[in-house]
PDB file of N, CA and C in Angstrom:
ATOM      1  N   MET A   1     -21.458 -18.571  -7.946  1.00  0.00           N
ATOM      2  CA  MET A   1     -21.532 -17.455  -7.045  1.00  0.00           C
ATOM      3  C   MET A   1     -22.147 -16.322  -8.273  1.00  0.00           C
ATOM      4  N   ASN A   2     -23.100 -15.622  -7.351  1.00  0.00           N
ATOM      5  CA  ASN A   2     -23.727 -14.162  -8.257  1.00  0.00           C
ATOM      6  C   ASN A   2     -22.762 -12.997  -8.445  1.00  0.00           C
ATOM      7  N   ILE A   3     -23.762 -12.423  -9.179  1.00  0.00           N
ATOM      8  CA  ILE A   3     -22.720 -11.008  -9.224  1.00  0.00           C
ATOM      9  C   ILE A   3     -22.630 -10.193  -7.908  1.00  0.00           C
ATOM     10  N   ASP A   4     -23.311 -10.470  -6.940  1.00  0.00           N
ATOM     11  CA  ASP A   4     -22.969 -10.084  -5.594  1.00  0.00           C
ATOM     12  C   ASP A   4     -21.613 -10.489  -5.037  1.00  0.00           C
ATOM     13  N   ASP A   5     -21.719 -11.564  -4.865  1.00  0.00           N
ATOM     14  CA  ASP A   5     -20.354 -12.051  -4.772  1.00  0.00           C
ATOM     15  C   ASP A   5     -18.849 -11.523  -5.290  1.00  0.00           C
ATOM     16  N   TYR A   6     -19.335 -11.361  -6.566  1.00  0.00           N
ATOM     17  CA  TYR A   6     -18.154 -10.900  -7.265  1.00  0.00           C
ATOM     18  C   TYR A   6     -17.737  -9.904  -7.003  1.00  0.00           C
ATOM     19  N   LEU A   7     -18.846  -8.585  -6.946  1.00  0.00           N
ATOM     20  CA  LEU A   7     -18.836  -7.157  -6.457  1.00  0.00           C
ATOM     21  C   LEU A   7     -18.124  -7.065  -5.058  1.00  0.00           C
ATOM     22  N   HIS A   8     -18.155  -8.603  -3.950  1.00  0.00           N
ATOM     23  CA  HIS A   8     -17.567  -8.051  -3.088  1.00  0.00           C
ATOM     24  C   HIS A   8     -16.762  -8.602  -3.008  1.00  0.00           C
ATOM     25  N   LEU A   9     -15.857  -9.530  -3.566  1.00  0.00           N
ATOM     26  CA  LEU A   9     -14.728  -9.619  -4.323  1.00  0.00           C
ATOM     27  C   LEU A   9     -13.569  -8.371  -4.657  1.00  0.00           C
ATOM     28  N   GLY A  10     -14.595  -7.868  -5.684  1.00  0.00           N
ATOM     29  CA  GLY A  10     -13.621  -6.727  -5.910  1.00  0.00           C
ATOM     30  C   GLY A  10     -13.456  -5.797  -4.746  1.00  0.00           C
ATOM     31  N   GLN A  11     -14.386  -5.719  -4.253  1.00  0.00           N
ATOM     32  CA  GLN A  11     -14.608  -4.445  -3.027  1.00  0.00           C
ATOM     33  C   GLN A  11     -12.955  -5.179  -2.060  1.00  0.00           C
ATOM     34  N   VAL A  12     -13.503  -5.990  -1.600  1.00  0.00           N
ATOM     35  CA  VAL A  12     -12.178  -6.946  -0.406  1.00  0.00           C
ATOM     36  C   VAL A  12     -10.742  -6.938  -1.332  1.00  0.00           C
ATOM     37  N   ALA A  13     -10.458  -6.862  -2.752  1.00  0.00           N
ATOM     38  CA  ALA A  13      -9.499  -6.838  -3.366  1.00  0.00           C
ATOM     39  C   ALA A  13      -8.924  -5.357  -3.229  1.00  0.00           C
ATOM     40  N   ILE A  14      -9.750  -4.339  -3.826  1.00  0.00           N
ATOM     41  CA  ILE A  14      -9.429  -2.529  -3.791  1.00  0.00           C
ATOM     42  C   ILE A  14      -9.004  -2.460  -2.065  1.00  0.00           C
ATOM     43  N   GLU A  15      -9.666  -3.078  -1.273  1.00  0.00           N
ATOM     44  CA  GLU A  15      -9.471  -2.272   0.296  1.00  0.00           C
ATOM     45  C   GLU A  15      -7.838  -2.988   0.758  1.00  0.00           C
ATOM     46  N   THR A  16      -7.550  -4.592   0.019  1.00  0.00           N
ATOM     47  CA  THR A  16      -6.573  -4.990   0.495  1.00  0.00           C
ATOM     48  C   THR A  16      -5.331  -3.759   0.070  1.00  0.00           C
ATOM     49  N   ALA A  17      -5.969  -3.719  -1.233  1.00  0.00           N
ATOM     50  CA  ALA A  17      -4.546  -2.953  -1.973  1.00  0.00           C
ATOM     51  C   ALA A  17      -4.277  -1.646  -1.396  1.00  0.00           C
ATOM     52  N   LEU A  18      -5.441  -0.696  -0.902  1.00  0.00           N
ATOM     53  CA  LEU A  18      -5.156   0.598  -0.218  1.00  0.00           C
ATOM     54  C   LEU A  18      -4.900   0.191   0.786  1.00  0.00           C
ATOM     55  N   TYR A  19      -4.986  -0.361   1.322  1.00  0.00           N
ATOM     56  CA  TYR A  19      -4.489  -0.749   2.969  1.00  0.00           C
ATOM     57  C   TYR A  19      -3.070  -1.418   3.039  1.00  0.00           C
ATOM     58  N   THR A  20      -2.353  -2.072   2.022  1.00  0.00           N
ATOM     59  CA  THR A  20      -1.366  -2.794   1.950  1.00  0.00           C
ATOM     60  C   THR A  20      -0.071  -1.456   1.431  1.00  0.00           C
ATOM     61  N   CYS A  21      -0.899  -0.519   0.453  1.00  0.00           N
ATOM     62  CA  CYS A  21      -0.111   0.403   0.104  1.00  0.00           C
ATOM     63  C   CYS A  21      -0.019   1.644   0.781  1.00  0.00           C
ATOM     64  N   ALA A  22      -0.726   2.138   1.347  1.00  0.00           N
ATOM     65  CA  ALA A  22      -1.116   3.296   1.847  1.00  0.00           C
ATOM     66  C   ALA A  22       0.028   3.950   3.036  1.00  0.00           C
ATOM     67  N   PRO A  23       0.469   2.685   4.453  1.00  0.00           N
ATOM     68  CA  PRO A  23       1.238   3.244   4.961  1.00  0.00           C
ATOM     69  C   PRO A  23       3.314   3.776   4.175  1.00  0.00           C
ATOM     70  N   ILE A  24       3.392   2.901   3.085  1.00  0.00           N
ATOM     71  CA  ILE A  24       4.653   3.162   2.317  1.00  0.00           C
ATOM     72  C   ILE A  24       4.595   4.719   1.435  1.00  0.00           C
ATOM     73  N   LEU A  25       2.809   4.672   0.985  1.00  0.00           N
ATOM     74  CA  LEU A  25       2.698   6.077   0.300  1.00  0.00           C
ATOM     75  C   LEU A  25       2.611   7.332   1.061  1.00  0.00           C
ATOM     76  N   VAL A  26       1.996   6.959   2.434  1.00  0.00           N
ATOM     77  CA  VAL A  26       1.571   8.131   3.173  1.00  0.00           C
ATOM     78  C   VAL A  26       2.952   8.858   3.790  1.00  0.00           C
ATOM     79  N   LEU A  27       4.060   7.694   4.309  1.00  0.00           N
ATOM     80  CA  LEU A  27       5.382   8.151   4.512  1.00  0.00           C
ATOM     81  C   LEU A  27       6.058   8.656   3.308  1.00  0.00           C
ATOM     82  N   GLY A  28       6.183   8.382   2.418  1.00  0.00           N
ATOM     83  CA  GLY A  28       6.634   9.007   1.551  1.00  0.00           C
ATOM     84  C   GLY A  28       6.435  10.346   1.092  1.00  0.00           C
ATOM     85  N   LEU A  29       5.032  10.300   1.252  1.00  0.00           N
ATOM     86  CA  LEU A  29       4.345  11.867   0.931  1.00  0.00           C
ATOM     87  C   LEU A  29       5.010  12.749   1.764  1.00  0.00           C
ATOM     88  N   ILE A  30       4.911  12.381   3.199  1.00  0.00           N
ATOM     89  CA  ILE A  30       5.527  13.273   4.356  1.00  0.00           C
ATOM     90  C   ILE A  30       6.875  13.140   4.075  1.00  0.00           C
ATOM     91  N   ALA A  31       8.030  12.118   3.285  1.00  0.00           N
ATOM     92  CA  ALA A  31       9.115  12.908   3.814  1.00  0.00           C
ATOM     93  C   ALA A  31       9.595  13.667   2.503  1.00  0.00           C
ATOM     94  N   GLY A  32       8.956  13.283   1.333  1.00  0.00           N
ATOM     95  CA  GLY A  32       8.699  14.017  -0.258  1.00  0.00           C
ATOM     96  C   GLY A  32       8.259  15.994   0.386  1.00  0.00           C
ATOM     97  N   PHE A  33       7.081  15.805   1.147  1.00  0.00           N
ATOM     98  CA  PHE A  33       6.930  17.498   1.840  1.00  0.00           C
ATOM     99  C   PHE A  33       7.778  18.181   2.698  1.00  0.00           C
ATOM    100  N   VAL A  34       8.449  17.378   3.570  1.00  0.00           N
ATOM    101  CA  VAL A  34       9.540  17.784   4.335  1.00  0.00           C
ATOM    102  C   VAL A  34      10.969  17.865   3.392  1.00  0.00           C
ATOM    103  N   VAL A  35      11.048  17.362   2.509  1.00  0.00           N
ATOM    104  CA  VAL A  35      12.067  17.622   2.042  1.00  0.00           C
ATOM    105  C   VAL A  35      12.195  18.990   0.955  1.00  0.00           C
ATOM    106  N   SER A  36      10.773  18.803   0.437  1.00  0.00           N
ATOM    107  CA  SER A  36      10.417  20.164  -0.099  1.00  0.00           C
ATOM    108  C   SER A  36      10.722  21.457  -0.117  1.00  0.00           C
ATOM    109  N   VAL A  37      10.011  21.263   1.603  1.00  0.00           N
ATOM    110  CA  VAL A  37      10.510  22.075   2.120  1.00  0.00           C
ATOM    111  C   VAL A  37      11.704  22.976   2.682  1.00  0.00           C
ATOM    112  N   PHE A  38      12.042  21.942   2.826  1.00  0.00           N
ATOM    113  CA  PHE A  38      13.860  22.012   3.155  1.00  0.00           C
ATOM    114  C   PHE A  38      14.404  22.782   2.028  1.00  0.00           C
ATOM    115  N   GLN A  39      14.089  22.407   0.923  1.00  0.00           N
ATOM    116  CA  GLN A  39      14.639  22.955  -0.578  1.00  0.00           C
ATOM    117  C   GLN A  39      14.259  24.007  -0.686  1.00  0.00           C
ATOM    118  N   ALA A  40      12.788  24.243  -0.458  1.00  0.00           N
ATOM    119  CA  ALA A  40      12.554  25.488  -0.709  1.00  0.00           C
ATOM    120  C   ALA A  40      13.189  26.911   0.392  1.00  0.00           C
ATOM    121  N   ALA A  41      13.423  26.494   1.610  1.00  0.00           N
ATOM    122  CA  ALA A  41      13.973  27.321   2.224  1.00  0.00           C
ATOM    123  C   ALA A  41      15.205  27.563   2.207  1.00  0.00           C
ATOM    124  N   THR A  42      16.167  26.724   1.592  1.00  0.00           N
ATOM    125  CA  THR A  42      18.024  26.501   1.661  1.00  0.00           C
ATOM    126  C   THR A  42      17.912  26.978  -0.149  1.00  0.00           C
ATOM    127  N   GLN A  43      17.332  26.538  -0.649  1.00  0.00           N
ATOM    128  CA  GLN A  43      17.279  26.929  -2.646  1.00  0.00           C
ATOM    129  C   GLN A  43      18.640  25.450  -2.737  1.00  0.00           C
ATOM    130  N   ILE A  44      17.893  25.247  -2.365  1.00  0.00           N
ATOM    131  CA  ILE A  44      19.301  23.557  -3.053  1.00  0.00           C
ATOM    132  C   ILE A  44      18.088  22.596  -3.472  1.00  0.00           C
ATOM    133  N   ASN A  45      18.386  22.342  -5.026  1.00  0.00           N
ATOM    134  CA  ASN A  45      18.004  21.390  -5.748  1.00  0.00           C
ATOM    135  C   ASN A  45      18.591  20.677  -6.121  1.00  0.00           C
ATOM    136  N   ASP A  46      18.697  19.700  -5.400  1.00  0.00           N
ATOM    137  CA  ASP A  46      19.875  18.286  -5.562  1.00  0.00           C
ATOM    138  C   ASP A  46      18.585  17.389  -5.664  1.00  0.00           C
ATOM    139  N   PRO A  47      18.477  16.945  -6.940  1.00  0.00           N
ATOM    140  CA  PRO A  47      17.345  15.424  -7.006  1.00  0.00           C
ATOM    141  C   PRO A  47      17.678  14.397  -6.277  1.00  0.00           C
ATOM    142  N   ALA A  48      18.868  13.972  -5.512  1.00  0.00           N
ATOM    143  CA  ALA A  48      19.354  13.085  -4.896  1.00  0.00           C
ATOM    144  C   ALA A  48      18.330  13.447  -3.482  1.00  0.00           C
ATOM    145  N   LEU A  49      18.868  14.801  -2.853  1.00  0.00           N
ATOM    146  CA  LEU A  49      17.710  15.319  -1.639  1.00  0.00           C
ATOM    147  C   LEU A  49      16.435  14.585  -1.728  1.00  0.00           C
ATOM    148  N   ALA A  50      16.080  14.588  -2.540  1.00  0.00           N
ATOM    149  CA  ALA A  50      14.343  14.970  -2.891  1.00  0.00           C
ATOM    150  C   ALA A  50      14.592  13.091  -2.824  1.00  0.00           C
ATOM    151  N   PHE A  51      15.422  12.071  -3.597  1.00  0.00           N
ATOM    152  CA  PHE A  51      15.010  11.082  -3.597  1.00  0.00           C
ATOM    153  C   PHE A  51      15.544   9.935  -2.311  1.00  0.00           C
ATOM    154  N   ILE A  52      16.905  10.398  -2.057  1.00  0.00           N
ATOM    155  CA  ILE A  52      16.899   9.274  -0.802  1.00  0.00           C
ATOM    156  C   ILE A  52      16.101   9.617   0.623  1.00  0.00           C
ATOM    157  N   PRO A  53      15.815  10.367   0.947  1.00  0.00           N
ATOM    158  CA  PRO A  53      14.686  10.325   1.970  1.00  0.00           C
ATOM    159  C   PRO A  53      13.118   9.467   1.761  1.00  0.00           C
ATOM    160  N   LYS A  54      12.699   9.719   0.301  1.00  0.00           N
ATOM    161  CA  LYS A  54      11.659   9.229   0.008  1.00  0.00           C
ATOM    162  C   LYS A  54      12.256   7.415   0.324  1.00  0.00           C
ATOM    163  N   ILE A  55      12.995   7.105  -0.440  1.00  0.00           N
ATOM    164  CA  ILE A  55      13.457   5.484  -0.014  1.00  0.00           C
ATOM    165  C   ILE A  55      13.424   5.193   1.331  1.00  0.00           C
ATOM    166  N   GLY A  56      14.311   5.896   2.051  1.00  0.00           N
ATOM    167  CA  GLY A  56      14.085   5.664   3.151  1.00  0.00           C
ATOM    168  C   GLY A  56      12.957   5.412   4.021  1.00  0.00           C
ATOM    169  N   ALA A  57      11.751   6.628   3.743  1.00  0.00           N
ATOM    170  CA  ALA A  57      10.551   6.496   4.134  1.00  0.00           C
ATOM    171  C   ALA A  57      10.006   5.233   3.941  1.00  0.00           C
ATOM    172  N   ALA A  58      10.418   4.774   2.717  1.00  0.00           N
ATOM    173  CA  ALA A  58       9.853   3.557   2.048  1.00  0.00           C
ATOM    174  C   ALA A  58      10.257   2.376   2.628  1.00  0.00           C
ATOM    175  N   ILE A  59      11.488   2.239   3.427  1.00  0.00           N
ATOM    176  CA  ILE A  59      12.002   1.356   3.874  1.00  0.00           C
ATOM    177  C   ILE A  59      11.886   1.226   5.387  1.00  0.00           C
ATOM    178  N   ALA A  60      11.605   2.432   6.148  1.00  0.00           N
ATOM    179  CA  ALA A  60      11.123   2.237   7.151  1.00  0.00           C
ATOM    180  C   ALA A  60       9.751   2.282   7.248  1.00  0.00           C
ATOM    181  N   GLY A  61       8.380   1.882   6.212  1.00  0.00           N
ATOM    182  CA  GLY A  61       7.319   2.008   6.612  1.00  0.00           C
ATOM    183  C   GLY A  61       7.221   0.586   6.617  1.00  0.00           C
ATOM    184  N   MET A  62       8.033  -0.495   5.295  1.00  0.00           N
ATOM    185  CA  MET A  62       8.130  -1.546   5.284  1.00  0.00           C
ATOM    186  C   MET A  62       8.628  -2.179   6.627  1.00  0.00           C
ATOM    187  N   LEU A  63       9.651  -1.849   7.215  1.00  0.00           N
ATOM    188  CA  LEU A  63       9.686  -2.725   8.352  1.00  0.00           C
ATOM    189  C   LEU A  63       8.720  -2.218   9.738  1.00  0.00           C
ATOM    190  N   LEU A  64       8.057  -1.312   9.924  1.00  0.00           N
ATOM    191  CA  LEU A  64       7.226  -0.678  10.586  1.00  0.00           C
ATOM    192  C   LEU A  64       5.830  -1.563  10.435  1.00  0.00           C
ATOM    193  N   PHE A  65       5.681  -1.539   9.044  1.00  0.00           N
ATOM    194  CA  PHE A  65       4.019  -2.278   8.761  1.00  0.00           C
ATOM    195  C   PHE A  65       4.087  -3.193   7.711  1.00  0.00           C
ATOM    196  N   GLY A  66       5.421  -4.053   7.876  1.00  0.00           N
ATOM    197  CA  GLY A  66       5.724  -4.948   6.860  1.00  0.00           C
ATOM    198  C   GLY A  66       4.345  -6.009   7.467  1.00  0.00           C
ATOM    199  N   HIS A  67       4.428  -6.351   8.816  1.00  0.00           N
ATOM    200  CA  HIS A  67       3.698  -7.268   9.422  1.00  0.00           C
ATOM    201  C   HIS A  67       2.178  -7.530   9.010  1.00  0.00           C
ATOM    202  N   PHE A  68       1.724  -5.877   9.751  1.00  0.00           N
ATOM    203  CA  PHE A  68       0.289  -5.656   8.873  1.00  0.00           C
ATOM    204  C   PHE A  68       0.049  -6.027   7.820  1.00  0.00           C
ATOM    205  N   MET A  69       1.207  -5.559   6.873  1.00  0.00           N
ATOM    206  CA  MET A  69       0.780  -5.655   5.119  1.00  0.00           C
ATOM    207  C   MET A  69       0.494  -7.075   4.735  1.00  0.00           C
ATOM    208  N   ILE A  70       1.649  -7.963   5.785  1.00  0.00           N
ATOM    209  CA  ILE A  70       1.709  -9.132   5.048  1.00  0.00           C
ATOM    210  C   ILE A  70       0.544 -10.310   5.760  1.00  0.00           C
ATOM    211  N   ASN A  71      -0.109  -9.533   6.629  1.00  0.00           N
ATOM    212  CA  ASN A  71      -0.840 -10.417   7.234  1.00  0.00           C
ATOM    213  C   ASN A  71      -2.419 -10.262   6.649  1.00  0.00           C
ATOM    214  N   ARG A  72      -2.653  -9.053   6.300  1.00  0.00           N
ATOM    215  CA  ARG A  72      -3.395  -8.500   5.184  1.00  0.00           C
ATOM    216  C   ARG A  72      -3.614  -9.288   3.979  1.00  0.00           C
ATOM    217  N   ILE A  73      -2.498  -9.437   3.055  1.00  0.00           N
ATOM    218  CA  ILE A  73      -2.774 -10.187   2.067  1.00  0.00           C
ATOM    219  C   ILE A  73      -2.584 -11.537   2.256  1.00  0.00           C
ATOM    220  N   ALA A  74      -2.168 -11.926   3.091  1.00  0.00           N
ATOM    221  CA  ALA A  74      -2.501 -13.599   3.610  1.00  0.00           C
ATOM    222  C   ALA A  74      -3.634 -13.685   4.048  1.00  0.00           C
ATOM    223  N   SER A  75      -4.704 -12.995   4.331  1.00  0.00           N
ATOM    224  CA  SER A  75      -6.137 -13.161   4.827  1.00  0.00           C
ATOM    225  C   SER A  75      -6.671 -12.850   3.378  1.00  0.00           C
ATOM    226  N   PHE A  76      -6.411 -11.955   2.757  1.00  0.00           N
ATOM    227  CA  PHE A  76      -7.099 -12.087   1.704  1.00  0.00           C
ATOM    228  C   PHE A  76      -6.729 -12.800   0.509  1.00  0.00           C
ATOM    229  N   THR A  77      -5.678 -13.865   0.514  1.00  0.00           N
ATOM    230  CA  THR A  77      -5.148 -14.648  -0.028  1.00  0.00           C
ATOM    231  C   THR A  77      -5.861 -16.063   0.253  1.00  0.00           C
ATOM    232  N   VAL A  78      -6.018 -16.287   1.851  1.00  0.00           N
ATOM    233  CA  VAL A  78      -7.033 -17.055   1.824  1.00  0.00           C
ATOM    234  C   VAL A  78      -8.866 -17.006   1.593  1.00  0.00           C
ATOM    235  N   PHE A  79      -9.122 -15.757   2.088  1.00  0.00           N
ATOM    236  CA  PHE A  79     -10.559 -15.469   1.464  1.00  0.00           C
ATOM    237  C   PHE A  79     -10.459 -15.590  -0.080  1.00  0.00           C
ATOM    238  N   VAL A  80      -9.645 -15.557  -1.078  1.00  0.00           N
ATOM    239  CA  VAL A  80     -10.019 -15.994  -2.579  1.00  0.00           C
ATOM    240  C   VAL A  80     -10.079 -17.425  -2.494  1.00  0.00           C
ATOM    241  N   ILE A  81      -8.881 -18.379  -1.941  1.00  0.00           N
ATOM    242  CA  ILE A  81      -8.688 -19.396  -1.801  1.00  0.00           C
ATOM    243  C   ILE A  81     -10.122 -20.512  -1.827  1.00  0.00           C
ATOM    244  N   SER A  82     -10.884 -20.061  -0.875  1.00  0.00           N
ATOM    245  CA  SER A  82     -11.968 -20.318   0.323  1.00  0.00           C
ATOM    246  C   SER A  82     -13.295 -19.840  -0.894  1.00  0.00           C
ATOM    247  N   GLN A  83     -13.189 -19.133  -1.891  1.00  0.00           N
ATOM    248  CA  GLN A  83     -14.116 -19.234  -2.568  1.00  0.00           C
ATOM    249  C   GLN A  83     -13.978 -19.540  -3.803  1.00  0.00           C
ATOM    250  N   ILE A  84     -13.171 -20.491  -4.077  1.00  0.00           N
ATOM    251  CA  ILE A  84     -12.640 -21.321  -5.386  1.00  0.00           C
ATOM    252  C   ILE A  84     -14.008 -22.336  -5.355  1.00  0.00           C
ATOM    253  N   GLY A  85     -14.554 -22.978  -4.294  1.00  0.00           N
ATOM    254  CA  GLY A  85     -15.631 -23.716  -4.393  1.00  0.00           C
ATOM    255  C   GLY A  85     -16.964 -23.184  -4.738  1.00  0.00           C
ATOM    256  N   ASN A  86     -16.832 -22.113  -4.620  1.00  0.00           N
ATOM    257  CA  ASN A  86     -18.181 -21.604  -5.015  1.00  0.00           C
ATOM    258  C   ASN A  86     -18.167 -21.077  -6.971  1.00  0.00           C
ATOM    259  N   LEU A  87     -17.219 -21.063  -7.217  1.00  0.00           N
ATOM    260  CA  LEU A  87     -17.297 -20.649  -8.646  1.00  0.00           C
ATOM    261  C   LEU A  87     -18.028 -21.948  -9.759  1.00  0.00           C
ATOM    262  N   ALA A  88     -18.172 -22.992  -9.360  1.00  0.00           N
ATOM    263  CA  ALA A  88     -18.937 -23.613 -10.172  1.00  0.00           C
ATOM    264  C   ALA A  88     -20.486 -23.264 -10.270  1.00  0.00           C
ATOM    265  N   PRO A  89     -20.796 -23.593 -11.582  1.00  0.00           N
ATOM    266  CA  PRO A  89     -22.405 -22.743 -11.900  1.00  0.00           C
ATOM    267  C   PRO A  89     -23.357 -23.593 -11.325  1.00  0.00           C
ATOM    268  N   HIS A  90     -24.492 -22.671 -10.887  1.00  0.00           N
ATOM    269  CA  HIS A  90     -25.376 -23.897  -9.744  1.00  0.00           C
ATOM    270  C   HIS A  90     -26.724 -24.271 -10.666  1.00  0.00           C
TER     271      HIS A  90
END
């Protein structure tokens, strides 16, 4: 493997990490924003009110996007395992 192959492997790893965590993070961000607007409008400052909807959004994200995330991680794993044969020095 030369340096370009290692850079490509790193790029694919970063893309996989971003694509697998983005749905849950975005849903958590949206839930946090909605809760903060609600708290600002009603002046209720309960920490549980901010925490529980974010957990619910994360669970919903795992249920909705879990299949996509597992497929993405599995394809990355297959790619990495297929590159093992190229690690020997030439």
